[in-house]
């Protein structure tokens, strides 16, 4: 991906998706908060997407 804005958008979207699906599966007895583990997973997912969508090396020899 060459467009940094699109790369940022996809990265944030990945993190928010993990937070959404991580909190949607909780039962009412557990409370409505987001656990620390879900936050860590969201950060790891966002970093993974950021790393995987980096521009390639343009040097041609």
Protein backbone atom coordinates (compact mmCIF):
# COMPACT_ATOMS: atom_id res chain seq x y z
CA UNK A 1 0.00 0.00 0.00
CA UNK A 2 1.40 3.33 -0.99
CA UNK A 3 -1.21 5.59 0.57
CA UNK A 4 -0.36 6.19 4.21
CA UNK A 5 -3.88 7.37 5.02
CA UNK A 6 -5.38 4.11 3.81
CA UNK A 7 -2.71 2.16 5.70
CA UNK A 8 -3.57 4.02 8.90
CA UNK A 9 -7.31 3.50 8.34
CA UNK A 10 -6.89 -0.26 7.87
CA UNK A 11 -4.66 -0.46 10.95
CA UNK A 12 -7.16 1.36 13.17
CA UNK A 13 -10.01 -0.69 11.73
CA UNK A 14 -8.19 -3.92 12.62
CA UNK A 15 -7.66 -2.78 16.20
CA UNK A 16 -11.28 -1.69 16.59
CA UNK A 17 -12.52 -4.98 15.15
CA UNK A 18 -10.56 -6.93 17.75
CA UNK A 19 -11.94 -4.73 20.53
CA UNK A 20 -15.50 -5.09 19.21
CA UNK A 21 -15.41 -8.86 18.83
CA UNK A 22 -13.49 -9.26 22.09
CA UNK A 23 -16.10 -7.36 24.07
CA UNK A 24 -19.20 -8.63 22.22
CA UNK A 25 -18.74 -12.21 23.41
CA UNK A 26 -18.83 -11.38 27.12
CA UNK A 27 -21.70 -12.52 29.27
CA UNK A 28 -23.67 -9.97 31.34
CA UNK A 29 -22.32 -11.48 34.58
CA UNK A 30 -18.75 -10.58 33.63
CA UNK A 31 -19.47 -6.88 33.33
CA UNK A 32 -19.32 -4.48 30.41
CA UNK A 33 -15.67 -3.44 30.49
CA UNK A 34 -12.87 -4.36 28.14
CA UNK A 35 -10.21 -6.60 29.62
CA UNK A 36 -6.52 -5.85 29.38
CA UNK A 37 -5.98 -8.94 27.27
CA UNK A 38 -8.33 -7.64 24.59
CA UNK A 39 -6.45 -4.35 24.51
CA UNK A 40 -3.14 -6.18 24.09
CA UNK A 41 -4.60 -8.32 21.30
CA UNK A 42 -5.95 -5.21 19.57
CA UNK A 43 -2.54 -3.54 19.72
CA UNK A 44 -0.84 -6.67 18.38
CA UNK A 45 -3.37 -6.90 15.54
CA UNK A 46 -2.88 -3.24 14.66
CA UNK A 47 0.91 -3.60 14.70
CA UNK A 48 0.64 -6.72 12.55
CA UNK A 49 -1.49 -4.94 9.96
CA UNK A 50 0.85 -1.93 10.01
CA UNK A 51 3.81 -4.24 9.39
CA UNK A 52 2.10 -6.28 6.66
CA UNK A 53 0.92 -3.24 4.71
CA UNK A 54 4.25 -1.42 4.60
CA UNK A 55 5.47 -0.37 1.15
CA UNK A 56 7.85 -2.71 -0.59
CA UNK A 57 11.46 -2.00 -1.46
CA UNK A 58 11.62 0.00 -4.70
CA UNK A 59 15.30 -0.56 -5.47
CA UNK A 60 15.77 -2.36 -8.77
CA UNK A 61 19.21 -3.38 -9.93
